[in-house]
Amino acid sequence: MRKLPNFVLLRAFEAAARLQSFALAARELCLTPSAISHQIKELEEYFGRPLFIRRNRRIEPTPEALRLLDSLSRVFDAIESACAEVTLAAQAQVLAVYCPPSFAVKWLAPRLADFARHHPDITLRLTTGPEPLDLTRAREMDVAISYGSALERPGVETLPLGHEPLVPMCAPALLEQTPDADRLMQQTTLIESQLSRLTWRDWFEANGMPMPVRPRPSFDRAALAISAAVDGMGIVLESTRLAERELARGELVEVGRGHFVRFERETHFLSWRANEGKRAGLATFRQWIVGHTSGCA
């Protein structure tokens, strides 16, 4: 049994704190200001502390009330979204997609408008996280995109989303200052992308070059490492798929293309429960994302 105050009291509090007025909260909830006042008082008794500072014609939430409002607003938004999904048209579908944060920001999000335009009856509900997802346990998710490797589980099918070039990239200004690629690699700060499928040691060894011994700034998200390179911090070794917008806009350039060994790796993987693979929405999303990731990024 969850230890929660009455939902009616929480609803009254959320409205009053958001609007900073018992009268406006009463109007929104179709109650009297007196009823709102009594519900707030009952909630304050539950918590054993005041939630509002009462002034002449207005109320002011306490610091504790503001923290509660922030959390409740997110919860109410989630409840509202869940209820909205139930009322969707009969032919509409909701597809819950889990993927790494950097893939979501750098690749998937810029293409969601395209997906929605071509598939208006499918609503994507996107959740991000750094770790691979076990679809045999996380039944609330329909498909999972993983970075580096996918969890192998009975009853789960996985498909690699193509090969991605992993190359050194930097801001154009750095290359203008030191146009010689070998010298640039030896003298410029190397940015560590902790989850990259290719390490700097592997890259230098494959190119027959000694690896510089100096501190390397390190980031646990590819998106952060790429942003640091755009800002001129140094050279990042990452997927061109994740940096495609920066490369297209000229904010990053590949260092030594045609001169250095170019690596390609299967880096992102799409997984789904085998017994749901033919579901219309899931099959449509799978076909769409494979069509956009086939071949080299």
Foldseek 3Di string as FASTA:
>chain_A
DDPDDDVVLVLLLLLCQVVQALCRSCVVVVHHSVVSVVSQVVVCVVVVHHQWDDDDHTIHGDPVSVVVNVVVVVVVVVVVVVVVVVPDPPQAEEAEEEEAPLCVVQPVVVCVVVVCVVCVRYHYHYDYDQDADDCVPPVVHFKYKHFPDHDDDPQKDKDQLEKFKWFKKAFVVLCVVPVPLVVQQQPWAEAAAPRAPDGPVNQCVQQVHDHHPDDHHYDPHPVVSLVCRLVGRTIYGHTCSSVVVCVVVRSMDTGQVVHGDIDIDRTMMMMGRNVCCPPPNNVVVVVVSSVVRYYYD
